[in-house]
Amino acid sequence: MSKVEVRVPELGDFSAVDVIEIHVKAGDRISAEDPLVTLETDKATMDVPAPRGGTVVSVALKVGAKVSAGDLVLTLEADDAGAGAAEPKTPAKPASSTPARAP
């Protein structure tokens, strides 16, 4: 397993947006694309999704905090499932279809 730092994505023209909800806590198991936190600007709200599945190690934000692009959201112990299983198996070579010759 590897540790992954999840950071606030690019927010366009906004530099300090409010954290209005935190959806996870340390120890939670999450899947890729699960919402981690909800951010609010004066025009919209947006969820920051998990980039991959794993276990939340620590959350760096609190409700009411102001964040900007690149700020740390949380640290994730990412699942490395499938790393070995993703390798294709080489098929067994078929037996020769040529009949054996009689001596």
PDB file of N, CA and C in Angstrom:
ATOM      1  N   MET A   1       0.841  -1.177   0.000  1.00  0.00           N
ATOM      2  CA  MET A   1       0.000   0.000   0.000  1.00  0.00           C
ATOM      3  C   MET A   1       0.887   1.241   0.000  1.00  0.00           C
ATOM      4  N   SER A   2       0.351   2.294  -0.584  1.00  0.00           N
ATOM      5  CA  SER A   2       1.120   3.527  -0.660  1.00  0.00           C
ATOM      6  C   SER A   2       0.286   4.691  -0.137  1.00  0.00           C
ATOM      7  N   LYS A   3       0.976   5.661   0.455  1.00  0.00           N
ATOM      8  CA  LYS A   3       0.286   6.839   0.970  1.00  0.00           C
ATOM      9  C   LYS A   3       0.136   7.857  -0.153  1.00  0.00           C
ATOM     10  N   VAL A   4      -1.059   8.436  -0.228  1.00  0.00           N
ATOM     11  CA  VAL A   4      -1.367   9.428  -1.250  1.00  0.00           C
ATOM     12  C   VAL A   4      -1.901  10.670  -0.554  1.00  0.00           C
ATOM     13  N   GLU A   5      -1.358  11.829  -0.905  1.00  0.00           N
ATOM     14  CA  GLU A   5      -1.878  13.090  -0.387  1.00  0.00           C
ATOM     15  C   GLU A   5      -2.918  13.600  -1.366  1.00  0.00           C
ATOM     16  N   VAL A   6      -4.130  13.822  -0.884  1.00  0.00           N
ATOM     17  CA  VAL A   6      -5.202  14.354  -1.720  1.00  0.00           C
ATOM     18  C   VAL A   6      -5.250  15.858  -1.476  1.00  0.00           C
ATOM     19  N   ARG A   7      -5.202  16.624  -2.558  1.00  0.00           N
ATOM     20  CA  ARG A   7      -5.151  18.078  -2.450  1.00  0.00           C
ATOM     21  C   ARG A   7      -6.361  18.715  -3.132  1.00  0.00           C
ATOM     22  N   VAL A   8      -6.645  19.954  -2.758  1.00  0.00           N
ATOM     23  CA  VAL A   8      -7.747  20.701  -3.352  1.00  0.00           C
ATOM     24  C   VAL A   8      -7.424  20.922  -4.831  1.00  0.00           C
ATOM     25  N   PRO A   9      -8.371  20.590  -5.729  1.00  0.00           N
ATOM     26  CA  PRO A   9      -8.117  20.793  -7.157  1.00  0.00           C
ATOM     27  C   PRO A   9      -8.170  22.271  -7.537  1.00  0.00           C
ATOM     28  N   GLU A  10      -7.868  22.562  -8.781  1.00  0.00           N
ATOM     29  CA  GLU A  10      -7.941  23.920  -9.299  1.00  0.00           C
ATOM     30  C   GLU A  10      -9.359  24.449  -9.127  1.00  0.00           C
ATOM     31  N   LEU A  11      -9.478  25.677  -8.635  1.00  0.00           N
ATOM     32  CA  LEU A  11     -10.782  26.254  -8.315  1.00  0.00           C
ATOM     33  C   LEU A  11     -11.163  27.418  -9.229  1.00  0.00           C
ATOM     34  N   GLY A  12     -10.485  27.547 -10.349  1.00  0.00           N
ATOM     35  CA  GLY A  12     -10.794  28.649 -11.249  1.00  0.00           C
ATOM     36  C   GLY A  12     -10.328  29.965 -10.675  1.00  0.00           C
ATOM     37  N   ASP A  13     -11.227  30.951 -10.625  1.00  0.00           N
ATOM     38  CA  ASP A  13     -10.877  32.295 -10.165  1.00  0.00           C
ATOM     39  C   ASP A  13     -10.931  32.453  -8.647  1.00  0.00           C
ATOM     40  N   PHE A  14     -11.252  31.394  -7.931  1.00  0.00           N
ATOM     41  CA  PHE A  14     -11.424  31.487  -6.479  1.00  0.00           C
ATOM     42  C   PHE A  14     -10.146  31.072  -5.766  1.00  0.00           C
ATOM     43  N   SER A  15      -9.766  31.848  -4.747  1.00  0.00           N
ATOM     44  CA  SER A  15      -8.523  31.546  -4.037  1.00  0.00           C
ATOM     45  C   SER A  15      -8.758  31.107  -2.594  1.00  0.00           C
ATOM     46  N   ALA A  16      -9.874  31.458  -2.010  1.00  0.00           N
ATOM     47  CA  ALA A  16     -10.153  31.068  -0.626  1.00  0.00           C
ATOM     48  C   ALA A  16     -11.624  30.675  -0.531  1.00  0.00           C
ATOM     49  N   VAL A  17     -11.876  29.366  -0.554  1.00  0.00           N
ATOM     50  CA  VAL A  17     -13.259  28.891  -0.496  1.00  0.00           C
ATOM     51  C   VAL A  17     -13.497  28.194   0.837  1.00  0.00           C
ATOM     52  N   ASP A  18     -14.753  28.169   1.243  1.00  0.00           N
ATOM     53  CA  ASP A  18     -15.122  27.596   2.537  1.00  0.00           C
ATOM     54  C   ASP A  18     -15.305  26.085   2.453  1.00  0.00           C
ATOM     55  N   VAL A  19     -14.829  25.393   3.482  1.00  0.00           N
ATOM     56  CA  VAL A  19     -15.124  23.976   3.658  1.00  0.00           C
ATOM     57  C   VAL A  19     -16.436  23.928   4.440  1.00  0.00           C
ATOM     58  N   ILE A  20     -17.497  23.409   3.797  1.00  0.00           N
ATOM     59  CA  ILE A  20     -18.790  23.404   4.482  1.00  0.00           C
ATOM     60  C   ILE A  20     -19.181  22.024   5.013  1.00  0.00           C
ATOM     61  N   GLU A  21     -18.514  20.969   4.506  1.00  0.00           N
ATOM     62  CA  GLU A  21     -18.824  19.632   5.005  1.00  0.00           C
ATOM     63  C   GLU A  21     -17.636  18.709   4.769  1.00  0.00           C
ATOM     64  N   ILE A  22     -17.389  17.838   5.741  1.00  0.00           N
ATOM     65  CA  ILE A  22     -16.359  16.813   5.608  1.00  0.00           C
ATOM     66  C   ILE A  22     -17.079  15.465   5.684  1.00  0.00           C
ATOM     67  N   HIS A  23     -16.908  14.657   4.653  1.00  0.00           N
ATOM     68  CA  HIS A  23     -17.666  13.410   4.526  1.00  0.00           C
ATOM     69  C   HIS A  23     -16.945  12.187   5.096  1.00  0.00           C
ATOM     70  N   VAL A  24     -15.668  12.310   5.429  1.00  0.00           N
ATOM     71  CA  VAL A  24     -14.888  11.157   5.890  1.00  0.00           C
ATOM     72  C   VAL A  24     -14.119  11.515   7.160  1.00  0.00           C
ATOM     73  N   LYS A  25     -13.649  10.471   7.832  1.00  0.00           N
ATOM     74  CA  LYS A  25     -12.793  10.660   9.010  1.00  0.00           C
ATOM     75  C   LYS A  25     -11.701   9.603   8.969  1.00  0.00           C
ATOM     76  N   ALA A  26     -10.690   9.768   9.781  1.00  0.00           N
ATOM     77  CA  ALA A  26      -9.577   8.814   9.824  1.00  0.00           C
ATOM     78  C   ALA A  26     -10.120   7.414  10.098  1.00  0.00           C
ATOM     79  N   GLY A  27      -9.630   6.456   9.338  1.00  0.00           N
ATOM     80  CA  GLY A  27     -10.038   5.069   9.495  1.00  0.00           C
ATOM     81  C   GLY A  27     -11.127   4.629   8.534  1.00  0.00           C
ATOM     82  N   ASP A  28     -11.794   5.583   7.860  1.00  0.00           N
ATOM     83  CA  ASP A  28     -12.849   5.236   6.903  1.00  0.00           C
ATOM     84  C   ASP A  28     -12.262   4.573   5.667  1.00  0.00           C
ATOM     85  N   ARG A  29     -12.975   3.556   5.156  1.00  0.00           N
ATOM     86  CA  ARG A  29     -12.631   2.941   3.873  1.00  0.00           C
ATOM     87  C   ARG A  29     -13.421   3.668   2.802  1.00  0.00           C
ATOM     88  N   ILE A  30     -12.744   4.086   1.745  1.00  0.00           N
ATOM     89  CA  ILE A  30     -13.418   4.799   0.669  1.00  0.00           C
ATOM     90  C   ILE A  30     -13.087   4.163  -0.670  1.00  0.00           C
ATOM     91  N   SER A  31     -13.930   4.465  -1.652  1.00  0.00           N
ATOM     92  CA  SER A  31     -13.715   4.016  -3.024  1.00  0.00           C
ATOM     93  C   SER A  31     -13.364   5.217  -3.886  1.00  0.00           C
ATOM     94  N   ALA A  32     -12.793   4.957  -5.040  1.00  0.00           N
ATOM     95  CA  ALA A  32     -12.487   6.039  -5.978  1.00  0.00           C
ATOM     96  C   ALA A  32     -13.767   6.791  -6.301  1.00  0.00           C
ATOM     97  N   GLU A  33     -13.672   8.094  -6.377  1.00  0.00           N
ATOM     98  CA  GLU A  33     -14.764   9.007  -6.705  1.00  0.00           C
ATOM     99  C   GLU A  33     -15.733   9.275  -5.555  1.00  0.00           C
ATOM    100  N   ASP A  34     -15.533   8.670  -4.375  1.00  0.00           N
ATOM    101  CA  ASP A  34     -16.363   9.012  -3.213  1.00  0.00           C
ATOM    102  C   ASP A  34     -16.106  10.466  -2.843  1.00  0.00           C
ATOM    103  N   PRO A  35     -17.138  11.223  -2.442  1.00  0.00           N
ATOM    104  CA  PRO A  35     -16.906  12.615  -2.027  1.00  0.00           C
ATOM    105  C   PRO A  35     -16.155  12.660  -0.698  1.00  0.00           C
ATOM    106  N   LEU A  36     -15.152  13.519  -0.627  1.00  0.00           N
ATOM    107  CA  LEU A  36     -14.346  13.652   0.589  1.00  0.00           C
ATOM    108  C   LEU A  36     -14.777  14.873   1.390  1.00  0.00           C
ATOM    109  N   VAL A  37     -14.845  16.018   0.734  1.00  0.00           N
ATOM    110  CA  VAL A  37     -15.279  17.266   1.370  1.00  0.00           C
ATOM    111  C   VAL A  37     -16.124  18.054   0.373  1.00  0.00           C
ATOM    112  N   THR A  38     -16.956  18.951   0.907  1.00  0.00           N
ATOM    113  CA  THR A  38     -17.734  19.851   0.064  1.00  0.00           C
ATOM    114  C   THR A  38     -17.227  21.266   0.293  1.00  0.00           C
ATOM    115  N   LEU A  39     -16.925  21.949  -0.820  1.00  0.00           N
ATOM    116  CA  LEU A  39     -16.434  23.320  -0.781  1.00  0.00           C
ATOM    117  C   LEU A  39     -17.513  24.239  -1.327  1.00  0.00           C
ATOM    118  N   GLU A  40     -17.547  25.479  -0.840  1.00  0.00           N
ATOM    119  CA  GLU A  40     -18.566  26.426  -1.289  1.00  0.00           C
ATOM    120  C   GLU A  40     -17.935  27.767  -1.628  1.00  0.00           C
ATOM    121  N   THR A  41     -18.252  28.241  -2.831  1.00  0.00           N
ATOM    122  CA  THR A  41     -17.868  29.601  -3.223  1.00  0.00           C
ATOM    123  C   THR A  41     -19.135  30.448  -3.145  1.00  0.00           C
ATOM    124  N   ASP A  42     -19.021  31.713  -3.519  1.00  0.00           N
ATOM    125  CA  ASP A  42     -20.214  32.547  -3.511  1.00  0.00           C
ATOM    126  C   ASP A  42     -21.171  32.182  -4.639  1.00  0.00           C
ATOM    127  N   LYS A  43     -20.725  31.337  -5.575  1.00  0.00           N
ATOM    128  CA  LYS A  43     -21.558  30.970  -6.722  1.00  0.00           C
ATOM    129  C   LYS A  43     -21.987  29.504  -6.748  1.00  0.00           C
ATOM    130  N   ALA A  44     -21.254  28.617  -6.114  1.00  0.00           N
ATOM    131  CA  ALA A  44     -21.563  27.189  -6.238  1.00  0.00           C
ATOM    132  C   ALA A  44     -20.925  26.379  -5.118  1.00  0.00           C
ATOM    133  N   THR A  45     -21.359  25.134  -5.030  1.00  0.00           N
ATOM    134  CA  THR A  45     -20.702  24.174  -4.134  1.00  0.00           C
ATOM    135  C   THR A  45     -20.108  23.064  -4.992  1.00  0.00           C
ATOM    136  N   MET A  46     -19.064  22.452  -4.500  1.00  0.00           N
ATOM    137  CA  MET A  46     -18.453  21.339  -5.229  1.00  0.00           C
ATOM    138  C   MET A  46     -17.882  20.337  -4.250  1.00  0.00           C
ATOM    139  N   ASP A  47     -17.988  19.054  -4.611  1.00  0.00           N
ATOM    140  CA  ASP A  47     -17.384  17.986  -3.833  1.00  0.00           C
ATOM    141  C   ASP A  47     -16.000  17.714  -4.384  1.00  0.00           C
ATOM    142  N   VAL A  48     -15.067  17.405  -3.504  1.00  0.00           N
ATOM    143  CA  VAL A  48     -13.741  16.958  -3.907  1.00  0.00           C
ATOM    144  C   VAL A  48     -13.780  15.432  -3.833  1.00  0.00           C
ATOM    145  N   PRO A  49     -13.642  14.730  -4.973  1.00  0.00           N
ATOM    146  CA  PRO A  49     -13.733  13.276  -4.973  1.00  0.00           C
ATOM    147  C   PRO A  49     -12.403  12.603  -4.638  1.00  0.00           C
ATOM    148  N   ALA A  50     -12.497  11.375  -4.171  1.00  0.00           N
ATOM    149  CA  ALA A  50     -11.295  10.577  -3.902  1.00  0.00           C
ATOM    150  C   ALA A  50     -10.677  10.159  -5.235  1.00  0.00           C
ATOM    151  N   PRO A  51      -9.368  10.304  -5.374  1.00  0.00           N
ATOM    152  CA  PRO A  51      -8.722   9.916  -6.624  1.00  0.00           C
ATOM    153  C   PRO A  51      -8.619   8.400  -6.788  1.00  0.00           C
ATOM    154  N   ARG A  52      -8.664   7.675  -5.666  1.00  0.00           N
ATOM    155  CA  ARG A  52      -8.596   6.200  -5.680  1.00  0.00           C
ATOM    156  C   ARG A  52      -9.118   5.672  -4.364  1.00  0.00           C
ATOM    157  N   GLY A  53      -9.315   4.388  -4.300  1.00  0.00           N
ATOM    158  CA  GLY A  53      -9.825   3.769  -3.087  1.00  0.00           C
ATOM    159  C   GLY A  53      -8.734   3.539  -2.063  1.00  0.00           C
ATOM    160  N   GLY A  54      -9.157   3.360  -0.801  1.00  0.00           N
ATOM    161  CA  GLY A  54      -8.201   3.085   0.256  1.00  0.00           C
ATOM    162  C   GLY A  54      -8.770   3.411   1.614  1.00  0.00           C
ATOM    163  N   THR A  55      -7.882   3.624   2.574  1.00  0.00           N
ATOM    164  CA  THR A  55      -8.266   3.951   3.945  1.00  0.00           C
ATOM    165  C   THR A  55      -7.741   5.341   4.285  1.00  0.00           C
ATOM    166  N   VAL A  56      -8.628   6.166   4.849  1.00  0.00           N
ATOM    167  CA  VAL A  56      -8.241   7.524   5.238  1.00  0.00           C
ATOM    168  C   VAL A  56      -7.307   7.443   6.443  1.00  0.00           C
ATOM    169  N   VAL A  57      -6.111   8.019   6.328  1.00  0.00           N
ATOM    170  CA  VAL A  57      -5.147   8.048   7.422  1.00  0.00           C
ATOM    171  C   VAL A  57      -5.409   9.253   8.306  1.00  0.00           C
ATOM    172  N   SER A  58      -5.541  10.431   7.685  1.00  0.00           N
ATOM    173  CA  SER A  58      -5.802  11.654   8.446  1.00  0.00           C
ATOM    174  C   SER A  58      -6.483  12.674   7.554  1.00  0.00           C
ATOM    175  N   VAL A  59      -7.307  13.509   8.176  1.00  0.00           N
ATOM    176  CA  VAL A  59      -7.997  14.593   7.468  1.00  0.00           C
ATOM    177  C   VAL A  59      -7.357  15.899   7.931  1.00  0.00           C
ATOM    178  N   ALA A  60      -6.961  16.733   6.963  1.00  0.00           N
ATOM    179  CA  ALA A  60      -6.237  17.961   7.286  1.00  0.00           C
ATOM    180  C   ALA A  60      -7.136  19.185   7.405  1.00  0.00           C
ATOM    181  N   LEU A  61      -8.407  19.060   7.070  1.00  0.00           N
ATOM    182  CA  LEU A  61      -9.312  20.208   7.067  1.00  0.00           C
ATOM    183  C   LEU A  61     -10.355  20.119   8.169  1.00  0.00           C
ATOM    184  N   LYS A  62     -10.929  21.263   8.482  1.00  0.00           N
ATOM    185  CA  LYS A  62     -12.042  21.344   9.426  1.00  0.00           C
ATOM    186  C   LYS A  62     -13.150  22.168   8.769  1.00  0.00           C
ATOM    187  N   VAL A  63     -14.397  21.897   9.159  1.00  0.00           N
ATOM    188  CA  VAL A  63     -15.517  22.680   8.654  1.00  0.00           C
ATOM    189  C   VAL A  63     -15.285  24.140   9.022  1.00  0.00           C
ATOM    190  N   GLY A  64     -15.502  25.034   8.061  1.00  0.00           N
ATOM    191  CA  GLY A  64     -15.301  26.461   8.282  1.00  0.00           C
ATOM    192  C   GLY A  64     -13.951  26.966   7.818  1.00  0.00           C
ATOM    193  N   ALA A  65     -13.031  26.048   7.512  1.00  0.00           N
ATOM    194  CA  ALA A  65     -11.706  26.465   7.048  1.00  0.00           C
ATOM    195  C   ALA A  65     -11.810  27.072   5.651  1.00  0.00           C
ATOM    196  N   LYS A  66     -10.861  27.927   5.320  1.00  0.00           N
ATOM    197  CA  LYS A  66     -10.741  28.498   3.978  1.00  0.00           C
ATOM    198  C   LYS A  66      -9.593  27.771   3.292  1.00  0.00           C
ATOM    199  N   VAL A  67      -9.841  27.294   2.058  1.00  0.00           N
ATOM    200  CA  VAL A  67      -8.810  26.560   1.323  1.00  0.00           C
ATOM    201  C   VAL A  67      -8.637  27.139  -0.068  1.00  0.00           C
ATOM    202  N   SER A  68      -7.477  26.849  -0.635  1.00  0.00           N
ATOM    203  CA  SER A  68      -7.149  27.254  -2.001  1.00  0.00           C
ATOM    204  C   SER A  68      -6.632  26.028  -2.743  1.00  0.00           C
ATOM    205  N   ALA A  69      -6.525  26.143  -4.048  1.00  0.00           N
ATOM    206  CA  ALA A  69      -6.009  25.046  -4.863  1.00  0.00           C
ATOM    207  C   ALA A  69      -4.649  24.595  -4.347  1.00  0.00           C
ATOM    208  N   GLY A  70      -4.464  23.299  -4.215  1.00  0.00           N
ATOM    209  CA  GLY A  70      -3.202  22.738  -3.762  1.00  0.00           C
ATOM    210  C   GLY A  70      -3.122  22.468  -2.276  1.00  0.00           C
ATOM    211  N   ASP A  71      -4.079  22.974  -1.486  1.00  0.00           N
ATOM    212  CA  ASP A  71      -4.074  22.707  -0.037  1.00  0.00           C
ATOM    213  C   ASP A  71      -4.368  21.232   0.221  1.00  0.00           C
ATOM    214  N   LEU A  72      -3.757  20.696   1.262  1.00  0.00           N
ATOM    215  CA  LEU A  72      -3.947  19.293   1.615  1.00  0.00           C
ATOM    216  C   LEU A  72      -5.348  19.063   2.166  1.00  0.00           C
ATOM    217  N   VAL A  73      -6.046  18.057   1.616  1.00  0.00           N
ATOM    218  CA  VAL A  73      -7.370  17.663   2.105  1.00  0.00           C
ATOM    219  C   VAL A  73      -7.211  16.529   3.108  1.00  0.00           C
ATOM    220  N   LEU A  74      -6.526  15.465   2.677  1.00  0.00           N
ATOM    221  CA  LEU A  74      -6.317  14.313   3.556  1.00  0.00           C
ATOM    222  C   LEU A  74      -5.189  13.447   3.038  1.00  0.00           C
ATOM    223  N   THR A  75      -4.774  12.513   3.878  1.00  0.00           N
ATOM    224  CA  THR A  75      -3.791  11.511   3.490  1.00  0.00           C
ATOM    225  C   THR A  75      -4.516  10.179   3.436  1.00  0.00           C
ATOM    226  N   LEU A  76      -4.244   9.429   2.378  1.00  0.00           N
ATOM    227  CA  LEU A  76      -4.942   8.183   2.092  1.00  0.00           C
ATOM    228  C   LEU A  76      -3.944   7.047   1.965  1.00  0.00           C
ATOM    229  N   GLU A  77      -4.238   5.933   2.615  1.00  0.00           N
ATOM    230  CA  GLU A  77      -3.456   4.702   2.417  1.00  0.00           C
ATOM    231  C   GLU A  77      -4.145   3.998   1.254  1.00  0.00           C
ATOM    232  N   ALA A  78      -3.591   4.163   0.057  1.00  0.00           N
ATOM    233  CA  ALA A  78      -4.249   3.706  -1.165  1.00  0.00           C
ATOM    234  C   ALA A  78      -4.168   2.196  -1.316  1.00  0.00           C
ATOM    235  N   ASP A  79      -5.251   1.637  -1.842  1.00  0.00           N
ATOM    236  CA  ASP A  79      -5.270   0.216  -2.163  1.00  0.00           C
ATOM    237  C   ASP A  79      -4.377  -0.022  -3.368  1.00  0.00           C
ATOM    238  N   ASP A  80      -3.566  -1.038  -3.284  1.00  0.00           N
ATOM    239  CA  ASP A  80      -2.765  -1.428  -4.434  1.00  0.00           C
ATOM    240  C   ASP A  80      -3.324  -2.704  -5.035  1.00  0.00           C
ATOM    241  N   ALA A  81      -4.579  -2.988  -4.748  1.00  0.00           N
ATOM    242  CA  ALA A  81      -5.223  -4.203  -5.234  1.00  0.00           C
ATOM    243  C   ALA A  81      -5.144  -4.251  -6.748  1.00  0.00           C
ATOM    244  N   GLY A  82      -4.861  -5.417  -7.244  1.00  0.00           N
ATOM    245  CA  GLY A  82      -4.830  -5.586  -8.680  1.00  0.00           C
ATOM    246  C   GLY A  82      -3.463  -5.348  -9.286  1.00  0.00           C
ATOM    247  N   ALA A  83      -2.487  -4.934  -8.496  1.00  0.00           N
ATOM    248  CA  ALA A  83      -1.169  -4.661  -9.060  1.00  0.00           C
ATOM    249  C   ALA A  83      -0.589  -5.923  -9.692  1.00  0.00           C
ATOM    250  N   GLY A  84      -0.662  -7.044  -8.988  1.00  0.00           N
ATOM    251  CA  GLY A  84      -0.156  -8.289  -9.546  1.00  0.00           C
ATOM    252  C   GLY A  84      -1.182  -8.958 -10.439  1.00  0.00           C
ATOM    253  N   ALA A  85      -2.452  -8.778 -10.144  1.00  0.00           N
ATOM    254  CA  ALA A  85      -3.498  -9.435 -10.909  1.00  0.00           C
ATOM    255  C   ALA A  85      -3.677  -8.804 -12.281  1.00  0.00           C
ATOM    256  N   ALA A  86      -3.174  -7.589 -12.461  1.00  0.00           N
ATOM    257  CA  ALA A  86      -3.351  -6.909 -13.734  1.00  0.00           C
ATOM    258  C   ALA A  86      -2.426  -7.459 -14.812  1.00  0.00           C
ATOM    259  N   GLU A  87      -1.411  -8.201 -14.404  1.00  0.00           N
ATOM    260  CA  GLU A  87      -0.492  -8.751 -15.383  1.00  0.00           C
ATOM    261  C   GLU A  87      -1.161  -9.876 -16.140  1.00  0.00           C
ATOM    262  N   PRO A  88      -1.152  -9.812 -17.477  1.00  0.00           N
ATOM    263  CA  PRO A  88      -1.787 -10.874 -18.239  1.00  0.00           C
ATOM    264  C   PRO A  88      -0.975 -12.158 -18.134  1.00  0.00           C
ATOM    265  N   LYS A  89      -1.680 -13.247 -18.045  1.00  0.00           N
ATOM    266  CA  LYS A  89      -1.000 -14.539 -17.996  1.00  0.00           C
ATOM    267  C   LYS A  89      -0.704 -14.961 -19.421  1.00  0.00           C
ATOM    268  N   THR A  90       0.474 -15.543 -19.621  1.00  0.00           N
ATOM    269  CA  THR A  90       0.792 -16.008 -20.963  1.00  0.00           C
ATOM    270  C   THR A  90       0.090 -17.338 -21.170  1.00  0.00           C
ATOM    271  N   PRO A  91      -0.591 -17.483 -22.299  1.00  0.00           N
ATOM    272  CA  PRO A  91      -1.313 -18.729 -22.529  1.00  0.00           C
ATOM    273  C   PRO A  91      -0.341 -19.882 -22.730  1.00  0.00           C
ATOM    274  N   ALA A  92      -0.766 -21.043 -22.317  1.00  0.00           N
ATOM    275  CA  ALA A  92       0.061 -22.227 -22.508  1.00  0.00           C
ATOM    276  C   ALA A  92       0.146 -22.500 -24.001  1.00  0.00           C
ATOM    277  N   LYS A  93       1.303 -22.970 -24.434  1.00  0.00           N
ATOM    278  CA  LYS A  93       1.456 -23.258 -25.855  1.00  0.00           C
ATOM    279  C   LYS A  93       0.677 -24.523 -26.173  1.00  0.00           C
ATOM    280  N   PRO A  94      -0.093 -24.480 -27.255  1.00  0.00           N
ATOM    281  CA  PRO A  94      -0.858 -25.683 -27.597  1.00  0.00           C
ATOM    282  C   PRO A  94       0.088 -26.791 -28.051  1.00  0.00           C
ATOM    283  N   ALA A  95      -0.372 -28.010 -27.850  1.00  0.00           N
ATOM    284  CA  ALA A  95       0.418 -29.163 -28.288  1.00  0.00           C
ATOM    285  C   ALA A  95       0.529 -29.104 -29.806  1.00  0.00           C
ATOM    286  N   SER A  96       1.610 -29.602 -30.306  1.00  0.00           N
ATOM    287  CA  SER A  96       1.839 -29.575 -31.756  1.00  0.00           C
ATOM    288  C   SER A  96       0.735 -30.343 -32.454  1.00  0.00           C
ATOM    289  N   SER A  97       0.213 -29.770 -33.534  1.00  0.00           N
ATOM    290  CA  SER A  97      -0.850 -30.432 -34.261  1.00  0.00           C
ATOM    291  C   SER A  97      -0.296 -31.361 -35.333  1.00  0.00           C
ATOM    292  N   THR A  98       1.035 -31.419 -35.461  1.00  0.00           N
ATOM    293  CA  THR A  98       1.648 -32.305 -36.439  1.00  0.00           C
ATOM    294  C   THR A  98       1.780 -33.705 -35.818  1.00  0.00           C
ATOM    295  N   PRO A  99       1.238 -34.722 -36.482  1.00  0.00           N
ATOM    296  CA  PRO A  99       1.346 -36.073 -35.905  1.00  0.00           C
ATOM    297  C   PRO A  99       2.810 -36.525 -35.852  1.00  0.00           C
ATOM    298  N   ALA A 100       3.108 -37.340 -34.845  1.00  0.00           N
ATOM    299  CA  ALA A 100       4.462 -37.881 -34.714  1.00  0.00           C
ATOM    300  C   ALA A 100       4.718 -38.849 -35.864  1.00  0.00           C
ATOM    301  N   ARG A 101       5.941 -38.854 -36.390  1.00  0.00           N
ATOM    302  CA  ARG A 101       6.280 -39.729 -37.505  1.00  0.00           C
ATOM    303  C   ARG A 101       6.686 -41.092 -36.983  1.00  0.00           C
ATOM    304  N   ALA A 102       6.255 -42.084 -37.682  1.00  0.00           N
ATOM    305  CA  ALA A 102       6.636 -43.460 -37.303  1.00  0.00           C
ATOM    306  C   ALA A 102       8.044 -43.715 -37.799  1.00  0.00           C
ATOM    307  N   PRO A 103       8.837 -44.419 -37.022  1.00  0.00           N
ATOM    308  CA  PRO A 103      10.237 -44.672 -37.441  1.00  0.00           C
ATOM    309  C   PRO A 103      10.378 -45.612 -38.594  1.00  0.00           C
TER     310      PRO A 103
END
